[in-house]
Amino acid sequence: MIAPLKPGATLAQITGPVAETERLILRPWRSDDIAANTAMLGDPVAGRFITADNKPITDAFAGWRNAAIMAGHWALYGIGMFVVEEKRTGAFVGRVGPWRPPGWPDFEVGWGIAPDFRGKGYAVEAARAAIDWSFSTFDIDRIAHCIDRENVASQGVARRLGARIDREIDLFGHVADLWVTDRDKWIG
């Protein structure tokens, strides 16, 4: 991807923070996450509910650009969606964590899980860790979750997290719901 480095030269690396659960490691992005993230976003379900245009990502450049946006949020703000890695195998499970680009409706913890890892409780487990980390790091009273009205699986995750629907929002030109997890009701 990049030119070879000269002997002794080093490049900047984002090394943390890292959060762990019983089965997962939540960590910053690395270049070897790009292909797995691209594959996840190529899935019709992920493409429909995660991408800005509601379409699967079908080429390597678009996948790289999406991963660069995720990693860039870390570089610009010091936070972002973590890569979720399965402890047992080291496999890319998805991405979960804080997200608030310009114009976003609120401080969000969002999630996206690769098809092979759905239905195993990873979204709830990772989101719980990301919400715990966010509440312990930021002076905020609530965390939002922007969820498409047709995304039944994410609505289920939000319910298991104890979130409630706060209001209707426009998300990339279509109607979605802003779910909220309140600090004073958070059970972690």
N, C-alpha and C. Protein backbone atom coordinates (compact mmCIF):
# COMPACT_ATOMS: atom_id res chain seq x y z
N MET A 1 0.82 -1.19 0.00
CA MET A 1 0.00 0.00 0.00
C MET A 1 0.86 1.25 0.00
N ILE A 2 1.82 1.33 0.91
CA ILE A 2 2.67 2.53 0.95
C ILE A 2 4.06 2.16 0.43
N ALA A 3 4.91 3.14 0.25
CA ALA A 3 6.27 2.91 -0.20
C ALA A 3 7.07 2.24 0.91
N PRO A 4 8.11 1.49 0.55
CA PRO A 4 8.96 0.87 1.57
C PRO A 4 9.63 1.94 2.44
N LEU A 5 9.77 1.63 3.71
CA LEU A 5 10.42 2.56 4.64
C LEU A 5 11.93 2.42 4.55
N LYS A 6 12.61 3.50 4.80
CA LYS A 6 14.07 3.46 4.91
C LYS A 6 14.43 2.78 6.22
N PRO A 7 15.59 2.15 6.29
CA PRO A 7 16.03 1.53 7.55
C PRO A 7 16.00 2.55 8.69
N GLY A 8 15.40 2.16 9.79
CA GLY A 8 15.33 3.00 10.98
C GLY A 8 14.17 3.99 11.00
N ALA A 9 13.48 4.16 9.87
CA ALA A 9 12.35 5.09 9.82
C ALA A 9 11.13 4.45 10.48
N THR A 10 10.33 5.25 11.15
CA THR A 10 9.09 4.78 11.77
C THR A 10 7.95 5.71 11.37
N LEU A 11 6.77 5.18 11.47
CA LEU A 11 5.56 5.95 11.18
C LEU A 11 4.70 6.02 12.43
N ALA A 12 3.86 7.03 12.51
CA ALA A 12 2.96 7.19 13.66
C ALA A 12 1.97 6.03 13.71
N GLN A 13 1.67 5.59 14.90
CA GLN A 13 0.69 4.53 15.12
C GLN A 13 -0.24 4.94 16.26
N ILE A 14 -1.52 4.69 16.09
CA ILE A 14 -2.47 4.89 17.19
C ILE A 14 -2.50 3.59 17.97
N THR A 15 -2.18 3.65 19.24
CA THR A 15 -2.01 2.43 20.02
C THR A 15 -3.08 2.20 21.08
N GLY A 16 -4.01 3.05 21.24
CA GLY A 16 -4.99 2.82 22.28
C GLY A 16 -6.08 3.86 22.19
N PRO A 17 -7.05 3.79 23.00
CA PRO A 17 -7.25 2.84 24.09
C PRO A 17 -7.71 1.47 23.59
N VAL A 18 -7.68 0.53 24.50
CA VAL A 18 -8.13 -0.83 24.23
C VAL A 18 -9.09 -1.22 25.35
N ALA A 19 -10.17 -1.87 25.00
CA ALA A 19 -11.11 -2.40 26.00
C ALA A 19 -11.25 -3.90 25.75
N GLU A 20 -11.44 -4.65 26.81
CA GLU A 20 -11.61 -6.09 26.67
C GLU A 20 -12.87 -6.55 27.39
N THR A 21 -13.47 -7.58 26.81
CA THR A 21 -14.59 -8.27 27.44
C THR A 21 -14.18 -9.73 27.58
N GLU A 22 -15.09 -10.55 28.00
CA GLU A 22 -14.78 -11.97 28.14
C GLU A 22 -14.32 -12.58 26.82
N ARG A 23 -14.98 -12.21 25.71
CA ARG A 23 -14.68 -12.84 24.43
C ARG A 23 -14.05 -11.92 23.39
N LEU A 24 -13.98 -10.63 23.67
CA LEU A 24 -13.62 -9.66 22.64
C LEU A 24 -12.54 -8.69 23.07
N ILE A 25 -11.82 -8.16 22.09
CA ILE A 25 -10.89 -7.05 22.27
C ILE A 25 -11.40 -5.92 21.39
N LEU A 26 -11.57 -4.74 21.96
CA LEU A 26 -11.95 -3.54 21.21
C LEU A 26 -10.70 -2.67 21.13
N ARG A 27 -10.27 -2.36 19.91
CA ARG A 27 -8.99 -1.69 19.72
C ARG A 27 -9.06 -0.73 18.53
N PRO A 28 -8.05 0.16 18.41
CA PRO A 28 -7.99 1.04 17.23
C PRO A 28 -7.71 0.24 15.95
N TRP A 29 -7.86 0.92 14.84
CA TRP A 29 -7.73 0.31 13.52
C TRP A 29 -6.28 0.09 13.12
N ARG A 30 -6.07 -0.96 12.32
CA ARG A 30 -4.79 -1.25 11.68
C ARG A 30 -5.06 -1.49 10.19
N SER A 31 -4.04 -1.38 9.40
CA SER A 31 -4.22 -1.55 7.95
C SER A 31 -4.74 -2.95 7.60
N ASP A 32 -4.42 -3.95 8.41
CA ASP A 32 -4.90 -5.28 8.08
C ASP A 32 -6.39 -5.49 8.40
N ASP A 33 -7.07 -4.45 8.90
CA ASP A 33 -8.52 -4.51 9.11
C ASP A 33 -9.31 -4.09 7.87
N ILE A 34 -8.65 -3.47 6.92
CA ILE A 34 -9.35 -2.89 5.77
C ILE A 34 -10.12 -3.95 4.98
N ALA A 35 -9.49 -5.05 4.65
CA ALA A 35 -10.15 -6.08 3.83
C ALA A 35 -11.36 -6.68 4.55
N ALA A 36 -11.22 -6.96 5.84
CA ALA A 36 -12.34 -7.54 6.58
C ALA A 36 -13.48 -6.55 6.73
N ASN A 37 -13.17 -5.28 6.95
CA ASN A 37 -14.20 -4.25 7.03
C ASN A 37 -14.91 -4.12 5.68
N THR A 38 -14.14 -4.14 4.60
CA THR A 38 -14.72 -4.06 3.26
C THR A 38 -15.65 -5.25 3.00
N ALA A 39 -15.22 -6.44 3.40
CA ALA A 39 -16.07 -7.63 3.23
C ALA A 39 -17.36 -7.49 4.04
N MET A 40 -17.25 -6.99 5.29
CA MET A 40 -18.45 -6.80 6.11
C MET A 40 -19.41 -5.83 5.41
N LEU A 41 -18.89 -4.73 4.89
CA LEU A 41 -19.74 -3.73 4.25
C LEU A 41 -20.24 -4.17 2.88
N GLY A 42 -19.67 -5.23 2.35
CA GLY A 42 -20.16 -5.81 1.10
C GLY A 42 -21.40 -6.66 1.29
N ASP A 43 -21.66 -7.03 2.53
CA ASP A 43 -22.86 -7.80 2.86
C ASP A 43 -24.08 -6.91 2.67
N PRO A 44 -25.13 -7.40 2.01
CA PRO A 44 -26.31 -6.57 1.76
C PRO A 44 -26.94 -5.97 3.02
N VAL A 45 -26.95 -6.71 4.12
CA VAL A 45 -27.53 -6.18 5.37
C VAL A 45 -26.68 -5.03 5.91
N ALA A 46 -25.37 -5.26 5.98
CA ALA A 46 -24.49 -4.19 6.47
C ALA A 46 -24.53 -2.99 5.53
N GLY A 47 -24.48 -3.26 4.25
CA GLY A 47 -24.52 -2.16 3.29
C GLY A 47 -25.79 -1.34 3.42
N ARG A 48 -26.88 -2.01 3.66
CA ARG A 48 -28.17 -1.32 3.76
C ARG A 48 -28.25 -0.42 4.99
N PHE A 49 -27.66 -0.86 6.09
CA PHE A 49 -27.85 -0.13 7.34
C PHE A 49 -26.62 0.64 7.84
N ILE A 50 -25.44 0.41 7.28
CA ILE A 50 -24.24 1.07 7.80
C ILE A 50 -23.69 2.12 6.84
N THR A 51 -23.76 1.88 5.56
CA THR A 51 -23.14 2.82 4.62
C THR A 51 -24.01 4.05 4.40
N ALA A 52 -23.36 5.14 4.05
CA ALA A 52 -24.08 6.42 3.87
C ALA A 52 -25.10 6.37 2.75
N ASP A 53 -24.84 5.58 1.70
CA ASP A 53 -25.78 5.52 0.58
C ASP A 53 -26.68 4.28 0.64
N ASN A 54 -26.61 3.55 1.74
CA ASN A 54 -27.44 2.35 1.95
C ASN A 54 -27.20 1.26 0.93
N LYS A 55 -25.99 1.19 0.39
CA LYS A 55 -25.65 0.17 -0.59
C LYS A 55 -24.38 -0.55 -0.14
N PRO A 56 -24.29 -1.84 -0.45
CA PRO A 56 -23.06 -2.57 -0.10
C PRO A 56 -21.84 -1.94 -0.79
N ILE A 57 -20.71 -2.02 -0.13
CA ILE A 57 -19.45 -1.57 -0.72
C ILE A 57 -18.91 -2.73 -1.54
N THR A 58 -18.64 -2.46 -2.80
CA THR A 58 -18.29 -3.55 -3.71
C THR A 58 -16.88 -3.44 -4.29
N ASP A 59 -16.12 -2.41 -3.94
CA ASP A 59 -14.76 -2.33 -4.48
C ASP A 59 -13.77 -1.96 -3.40
N ALA A 60 -12.52 -2.32 -3.64
CA ALA A 60 -11.46 -2.16 -2.65
C ALA A 60 -11.23 -0.69 -2.28
N PHE A 61 -11.31 0.21 -3.24
CA PHE A 61 -11.06 1.62 -2.93
C PHE A 61 -12.13 2.16 -1.99
N ALA A 62 -13.40 1.86 -2.25
CA ALA A 62 -14.48 2.32 -1.37
C ALA A 62 -14.32 1.72 0.03
N GLY A 63 -13.90 0.48 0.10
CA GLY A 63 -13.66 -0.15 1.40
C GLY A 63 -12.51 0.51 2.13
N TRP A 64 -11.44 0.82 1.39
CA TRP A 64 -10.31 1.53 1.99
C TRP A 64 -10.75 2.90 2.50
N ARG A 65 -11.54 3.61 1.70
CA ARG A 65 -12.00 4.94 2.09
C ARG A 65 -12.84 4.86 3.37
N ASN A 66 -13.71 3.85 3.48
CA ASN A 66 -14.52 3.70 4.68
C ASN A 66 -13.64 3.44 5.90
N ALA A 67 -12.66 2.56 5.77
CA ALA A 67 -11.75 2.28 6.89
C ALA A 67 -10.93 3.52 7.24
N ALA A 68 -10.54 4.30 6.22
CA ALA A 68 -9.79 5.53 6.47
C ALA A 68 -10.63 6.53 7.26
N ILE A 69 -11.93 6.59 6.97
CA ILE A 69 -12.82 7.46 7.74
C ILE A 69 -12.88 7.00 9.20
N MET A 70 -13.03 5.69 9.40
CA MET A 70 -13.08 5.16 10.77
C MET A 70 -11.79 5.47 11.53
N ALA A 71 -10.65 5.17 10.89
CA ALA A 71 -9.35 5.42 11.53
C ALA A 71 -9.10 6.93 11.67
N GLY A 72 -9.56 7.69 10.70
CA GLY A 72 -9.38 9.14 10.74
C GLY A 72 -10.12 9.80 11.89
N HIS A 73 -11.28 9.24 12.28
CA HIS A 73 -12.01 9.76 13.44
C HIS A 73 -11.11 9.66 14.67
N TRP A 74 -10.38 8.54 14.80
CA TRP A 74 -9.42 8.37 15.90
C TRP A 74 -8.32 9.42 15.80
N ALA A 75 -7.76 9.61 14.61
CA ALA A 75 -6.64 10.55 14.44
C ALA A 75 -7.07 11.98 14.73
N LEU A 76 -8.28 12.35 14.32
CA LEU A 76 -8.75 13.72 14.50
C LEU A 76 -9.26 14.02 15.89
N TYR A 77 -9.95 13.06 16.51
CA TYR A 77 -10.63 13.32 17.78
C TYR A 77 -10.12 12.52 18.96
N GLY A 78 -9.26 11.53 18.71
CA GLY A 78 -8.75 10.71 19.80
C GLY A 78 -9.69 9.60 20.22
N ILE A 79 -10.80 9.47 19.51
CA ILE A 79 -11.77 8.40 19.76
C ILE A 79 -12.36 7.96 18.42
N GLY A 80 -13.08 6.87 18.44
CA GLY A 80 -13.78 6.42 17.26
C GLY A 80 -14.32 5.02 17.49
N MET A 81 -14.89 4.49 16.43
CA MET A 81 -15.37 3.12 16.54
C MET A 81 -14.16 2.20 16.64
N PHE A 82 -14.21 1.34 17.64
CA PHE A 82 -13.16 0.34 17.82
C PHE A 82 -13.33 -0.76 16.78
N VAL A 83 -12.23 -1.38 16.40
CA VAL A 83 -12.32 -2.66 15.72
C VAL A 83 -12.62 -3.68 16.81
N VAL A 84 -13.56 -4.57 16.54
CA VAL A 84 -13.88 -5.63 17.48
C VAL A 84 -13.22 -6.91 16.97
N GLU A 85 -12.40 -7.49 17.82
CA GLU A 85 -11.63 -8.68 17.47
C GLU A 85 -12.02 -9.81 18.42
N GLU A 86 -12.23 -10.98 17.89
CA GLU A 86 -12.52 -12.14 18.72
C GLU A 86 -11.23 -12.59 19.39
N LYS A 87 -11.24 -12.67 20.72
CA LYS A 87 -10.03 -13.05 21.47
C LYS A 87 -9.50 -14.42 21.05
N ARG A 88 -10.39 -15.37 20.94
CA ARG A 88 -9.99 -16.75 20.69
C ARG A 88 -9.27 -16.93 19.37
N THR A 89 -9.73 -16.21 18.32
CA THR A 89 -9.20 -16.43 16.98
C THR A 89 -8.44 -15.23 16.41
N GLY A 90 -8.64 -14.05 16.98
CA GLY A 90 -8.05 -12.85 16.41
C GLY A 90 -8.82 -12.32 15.20
N ALA A 91 -9.98 -12.92 14.92
CA ALA A 91 -10.77 -12.55 13.73
C ALA A 91 -11.44 -11.19 13.91
N PHE A 92 -11.60 -10.48 12.80
CA PHE A 92 -12.34 -9.22 12.75
C PHE A 92 -13.82 -9.55 12.90
N VAL A 93 -14.43 -9.05 13.99
CA VAL A 93 -15.85 -9.29 14.27
C VAL A 93 -16.70 -8.15 13.73
N GLY A 94 -16.16 -6.94 13.76
CA GLY A 94 -16.91 -5.78 13.31
C GLY A 94 -16.32 -4.52 13.89
N ARG A 95 -17.17 -3.52 14.03
CA ARG A 95 -16.74 -2.25 14.61
C ARG A 95 -17.84 -1.73 15.52
N VAL A 96 -17.43 -1.23 16.66
CA VAL A 96 -18.37 -0.76 17.67
C VAL A 96 -17.70 0.38 18.43
N GLY A 97 -18.47 1.43 18.70
CA GLY A 97 -17.90 2.46 19.55
C GLY A 97 -18.41 3.85 19.29
N PRO A 98 -17.75 4.82 19.93
CA PRO A 98 -18.17 6.20 19.84
C PRO A 98 -17.94 6.79 18.46
N TRP A 99 -18.86 7.67 18.09
CA TRP A 99 -18.86 8.23 16.74
C TRP A 99 -19.61 9.55 16.77
N ARG A 100 -18.96 10.61 16.31
CA ARG A 100 -19.66 11.88 16.20
C ARG A 100 -18.99 12.78 15.17
N PRO A 101 -19.16 12.45 13.91
CA PRO A 101 -18.62 13.33 12.88
C PRO A 101 -19.44 14.62 12.80
N PRO A 102 -18.95 15.62 12.08
CA PRO A 102 -19.70 16.88 11.96
C PRO A 102 -21.13 16.64 11.46
N GLY A 103 -22.08 17.34 12.10
CA GLY A 103 -23.47 17.23 11.69
C GLY A 103 -24.22 16.04 12.26
N TRP A 104 -23.52 15.18 13.01
CA TRP A 104 -24.18 13.99 13.57
C TRP A 104 -25.14 14.43 14.66
N PRO A 105 -26.27 13.73 14.84
CA PRO A 105 -27.30 14.23 15.76
C PRO A 105 -26.94 14.22 17.24
N ASP A 106 -25.97 13.41 17.66
CA ASP A 106 -25.62 13.33 19.07
C ASP A 106 -24.37 12.47 19.20
N PHE A 107 -23.81 12.40 20.41
CA PHE A 107 -22.68 11.50 20.68
C PHE A 107 -23.23 10.07 20.64
N GLU A 108 -22.73 9.29 19.70
CA GLU A 108 -23.27 7.96 19.48
C GLU A 108 -22.27 6.87 19.84
N VAL A 109 -22.79 5.74 20.29
CA VAL A 109 -22.06 4.47 20.24
C VAL A 109 -22.86 3.62 19.27
N GLY A 110 -22.22 3.30 18.16
CA GLY A 110 -22.86 2.50 17.13
C GLY A 110 -22.18 1.15 17.00
N TRP A 111 -22.77 0.28 16.19
CA TRP A 111 -22.22 -1.06 16.02
C TRP A 111 -22.50 -1.56 14.62
N GLY A 112 -21.61 -2.42 14.16
CA GLY A 112 -21.75 -3.14 12.91
C GLY A 112 -20.98 -4.44 13.05
N ILE A 113 -21.65 -5.55 12.86
CA ILE A 113 -21.04 -6.86 13.07
C ILE A 113 -21.02 -7.63 11.74
N ALA A 114 -19.90 -8.26 11.45
CA ALA A 114 -19.74 -9.03 10.22
C ALA A 114 -20.70 -10.22 10.23
N PRO A 115 -21.17 -10.64 9.05
CA PRO A 115 -22.19 -11.70 8.97
C PRO A 115 -21.85 -12.98 9.72
N ASP A 116 -20.61 -13.44 9.68
CA ASP A 116 -20.26 -14.70 10.34
C ASP A 116 -20.32 -14.62 11.86
N PHE A 117 -20.43 -13.41 12.41
CA PHE A 117 -20.40 -13.24 13.86
C PHE A 117 -21.72 -12.74 14.42
N ARG A 118 -22.72 -12.58 13.58
CA ARG A 118 -24.03 -12.13 14.06
C ARG A 118 -24.73 -13.27 14.79
N GLY A 119 -25.60 -12.90 15.72
CA GLY A 119 -26.38 -13.90 16.45
C GLY A 119 -25.63 -14.56 17.58
N LYS A 120 -24.46 -14.05 17.94
CA LYS A 120 -23.66 -14.64 19.01
C LYS A 120 -23.57 -13.74 20.23
N GLY A 121 -24.30 -12.62 20.21
CA GLY A 121 -24.26 -11.69 21.33
C GLY A 121 -23.08 -10.75 21.32
N TYR A 122 -22.29 -10.75 20.25
CA TYR A 122 -21.11 -9.90 20.18
C TYR A 122 -21.46 -8.41 20.13
N ALA A 123 -22.52 -8.06 19.44
CA ALA A 123 -22.89 -6.64 19.35
C ALA A 123 -23.21 -6.08 20.73
N VAL A 124 -24.00 -6.81 21.50
CA VAL A 124 -24.35 -6.35 22.85
C VAL A 124 -23.12 -6.31 23.74
N GLU A 125 -22.30 -7.36 23.68
CA GLU A 125 -21.09 -7.43 24.52
C GLU A 125 -20.13 -6.28 24.20
N ALA A 126 -19.90 -6.04 22.92
CA ALA A 126 -18.98 -4.97 22.52
C ALA A 126 -19.57 -3.59 22.80
N ALA A 127 -20.86 -3.41 22.51
CA ALA A 127 -21.50 -2.11 22.77
C ALA A 127 -21.50 -1.80 24.26
N ARG A 128 -21.72 -2.80 25.08
CA ARG A 128 -21.68 -2.60 26.54
C ARG A 128 -20.30 -2.07 26.96
N ALA A 129 -19.25 -2.69 26.43
CA ALA A 129 -17.90 -2.24 26.77
C ALA A 129 -17.63 -0.83 26.25
N ALA A 130 -18.12 -0.52 25.05
CA ALA A 130 -17.92 0.81 24.47
C ALA A 130 -18.71 1.88 25.24
N ILE A 131 -19.90 1.53 25.69
CA ILE A 131 -20.70 2.46 26.49
C ILE A 131 -20.05 2.68 27.85
N ASP A 132 -19.59 1.60 28.49
CA ASP A 132 -18.87 1.73 29.76
C ASP A 132 -17.66 2.66 29.58
N TRP A 133 -16.89 2.42 28.53
CA TRP A 133 -15.69 3.23 28.27
C TRP A 133 -16.09 4.68 28.03
N SER A 134 -17.13 4.91 27.26
CA SER A 134 -17.56 6.27 26.94
C SER A 134 -18.04 7.01 28.18
N PHE A 135 -18.87 6.36 29.01
CA PHE A 135 -19.35 7.01 30.23
C PHE A 135 -18.19 7.27 31.21
N SER A 136 -17.19 6.41 31.24
CA SER A 136 -16.07 6.63 32.15
C SER A 136 -15.09 7.67 31.61
N THR A 137 -15.16 7.96 30.32
CA THR A 137 -14.21 8.89 29.69
C THR A 137 -14.78 10.29 29.49
N PHE A 138 -16.07 10.38 29.19
CA PHE A 138 -16.67 11.66 28.82
C PHE A 138 -17.69 12.12 29.85
N ASP A 139 -17.80 13.42 30.00
CA ASP A 139 -18.77 14.04 30.89
C ASP A 139 -20.07 14.23 30.11
N ILE A 140 -20.77 13.13 29.90
CA ILE A 140 -22.02 13.13 29.14
C ILE A 140 -23.08 12.38 29.94
N ASP A 141 -24.33 12.78 29.74
CA ASP A 141 -25.43 12.15 30.46
C ASP A 141 -26.15 11.08 29.65
N ARG A 142 -25.85 11.05 28.33
CA ARG A 142 -26.54 10.07 27.49
C ARG A 142 -25.69 9.74 26.28
N ILE A 143 -25.98 8.59 25.72
CA ILE A 143 -25.32 8.12 24.50
C ILE A 143 -26.42 7.72 23.53
N ALA A 144 -26.27 8.18 22.30
CA ALA A 144 -27.28 7.91 21.27
C ALA A 144 -26.89 6.69 20.44
N HIS A 145 -27.88 6.13 19.77
CA HIS A 145 -27.71 5.04 18.82
C HIS A 145 -28.66 5.36 17.66
N CYS A 146 -28.11 5.69 16.49
CA CYS A 146 -28.91 6.03 15.31
C CYS A 146 -29.28 4.73 14.59
N ILE A 147 -30.57 4.40 14.57
CA ILE A 147 -30.98 3.09 14.05
C ILE A 147 -32.10 3.25 13.03
N ASP A 148 -31.86 2.71 11.85
CA ASP A 148 -32.86 2.69 10.79
C ASP A 148 -34.11 1.96 11.30
N ARG A 149 -35.26 2.45 10.92
CA ARG A 149 -36.51 1.86 11.40
C ARG A 149 -36.72 0.42 10.94
N GLU A 150 -36.05 0.03 9.88
CA GLU A 150 -36.18 -1.35 9.40
C GLU A 150 -35.10 -2.28 9.94
N ASN A 151 -34.18 -1.75 10.72
CA ASN A 151 -33.07 -2.56 11.24
C ASN A 151 -33.48 -3.21 12.56
N VAL A 152 -34.23 -4.27 12.44
CA VAL A 152 -34.79 -4.97 13.61
C VAL A 152 -33.68 -5.53 14.50
N ALA A 153 -32.61 -6.03 13.92
CA ALA A 153 -31.52 -6.60 14.72
C ALA A 153 -30.89 -5.52 15.61
N SER A 154 -30.61 -4.34 15.06
CA SER A 154 -30.02 -3.27 15.88
C SER A 154 -30.99 -2.75 16.92
N GLN A 155 -32.27 -2.74 16.60
CA GLN A 155 -33.27 -2.35 17.59
C GLN A 155 -33.23 -3.32 18.77
N GLY A 156 -33.06 -4.61 18.48
CA GLY A 156 -32.95 -5.61 19.54
C GLY A 156 -31.72 -5.39 20.41
N VAL A 157 -30.60 -5.04 19.79
CA VAL A 157 -29.39 -4.74 20.55
C VAL A 157 -29.66 -3.54 21.47
N ALA A 158 -30.26 -2.49 20.92
CA ALA A 158 -30.55 -1.30 21.72
C ALA A 158 -31.45 -1.64 22.91
N ARG A 159 -32.46 -2.46 22.68
CA ARG A 159 -33.34 -2.86 23.79
C ARG A 159 -32.57 -3.62 24.86
N ARG A 160 -31.69 -4.56 24.43
CA ARG A 160 -30.91 -5.33 25.41
C ARG A 160 -29.94 -4.44 26.18
N LEU A 161 -29.58 -3.31 25.60
CA LEU A 161 -28.72 -2.34 26.30
C LEU A 161 -29.52 -1.42 27.23
N GLY A 162 -30.85 -1.53 27.19
CA GLY A 162 -31.69 -0.68 28.02
C GLY A 162 -31.96 0.69 27.41
N ALA A 163 -31.72 0.83 26.11
CA ALA A 163 -31.94 2.12 25.44
C ALA A 163 -33.43 2.32 25.17
N ARG A 164 -33.77 3.58 24.93
CA ARG A 164 -35.15 3.95 24.60
C ARG A 164 -35.15 4.84 23.36
N ILE A 165 -36.25 4.86 22.65
CA ILE A 165 -36.38 5.76 21.51
C ILE A 165 -36.63 7.16 22.03
N ASP A 166 -35.81 8.10 21.58
CA ASP A 166 -35.91 9.50 22.00
C ASP A 166 -36.68 10.33 20.98
N ARG A 167 -36.33 10.16 19.70
CA ARG A 167 -36.99 10.95 18.67
C ARG A 167 -36.68 10.41 17.28
N GLU A 168 -37.41 10.91 16.33
CA GLU A 168 -37.19 10.60 14.92
C GLU A 168 -36.11 11.54 14.38
N ILE A 169 -35.23 11.00 13.52
CA ILE A 169 -34.19 11.82 12.91
C ILE A 169 -34.13 11.53 11.41
N ASP A 170 -33.49 12.44 10.70
CA ASP A 170 -33.17 12.22 9.29
C ASP A 170 -31.73 11.74 9.25
N LEU A 171 -31.51 10.55 8.73
CA LEU A 171 -30.18 9.97 8.65
C LEU A 171 -29.87 9.66 7.20
N PHE A 172 -29.00 10.45 6.61
CA PHE A 172 -28.64 10.28 5.20
C PHE A 172 -29.86 10.34 4.29
N GLY A 173 -30.82 11.18 4.63
CA GLY A 173 -31.98 11.37 3.75
C GLY A 173 -33.13 10.42 3.97
N HIS A 174 -33.09 9.61 5.01
CA HIS A 174 -34.25 8.77 5.31
C HIS A 174 -34.52 8.78 6.82
N VAL A 175 -35.72 8.38 7.17
CA VAL A 175 -36.16 8.44 8.56
C VAL A 175 -35.52 7.31 9.37
N ALA A 176 -35.01 7.68 10.53
CA ALA A 176 -34.45 6.71 11.47
C ALA A 176 -34.88 7.14 12.87
N ASP A 177 -34.59 6.29 13.84
CA ASP A 177 -34.88 6.63 15.23
C ASP A 177 -33.58 6.85 15.97
N LEU A 178 -33.59 7.85 16.85
CA LEU A 178 -32.47 8.09 17.75
C LEU A 178 -32.82 7.43 19.08
N TRP A 179 -32.14 6.33 19.35
CA TRP A 179 -32.29 5.64 20.62
C TRP A 179 -31.29 6.25 21.59
N VAL A 180 -31.60 6.19 22.90
CA VAL A 180 -30.74 6.82 23.90
C VAL A 180 -30.52 5.86 25.07
N THR A 181 -29.26 5.80 25.48
CA THR A 181 -28.88 5.12 26.73
C THR A 181 -28.54 6.22 27.72
N ASP A 182 -29.29 6.32 28.80
CA ASP A 182 -29.08 7.35 29.81
C ASP A 182 -28.09 6.87 30.87
N ARG A 183 -27.16 7.76 31.22
CA ARG A 183 -26.15 7.42 32.24
C ARG A 183 -26.81 6.98 33.55
N ASP A 184 -27.84 7.72 33.99
CA ASP A 184 -28.44 7.42 35.30
C ASP A 184 -29.23 6.12 35.32
N LYS A 185 -29.48 5.54 34.17
CA LYS A 185 -30.19 4.25 34.10
C LYS A 185 -29.28 3.13 33.61
N TRP A 186 -28.03 3.45 33.29
CA TRP A 186 -27.10 2.47 32.72
C TRP A 186 -26.70 1.43 33.75
N ILE A 187 -26.85 0.18 33.39
CA ILE A 187 -26.53 -0.92 34.29
C ILE A 187 -25.22 -1.62 33.92
N GLY A 188 -24.70 -1.31 32.74
CA GLY A 188 -23.42 -1.86 32.29
C GLY A 188 -23.35 -3.28 32.14
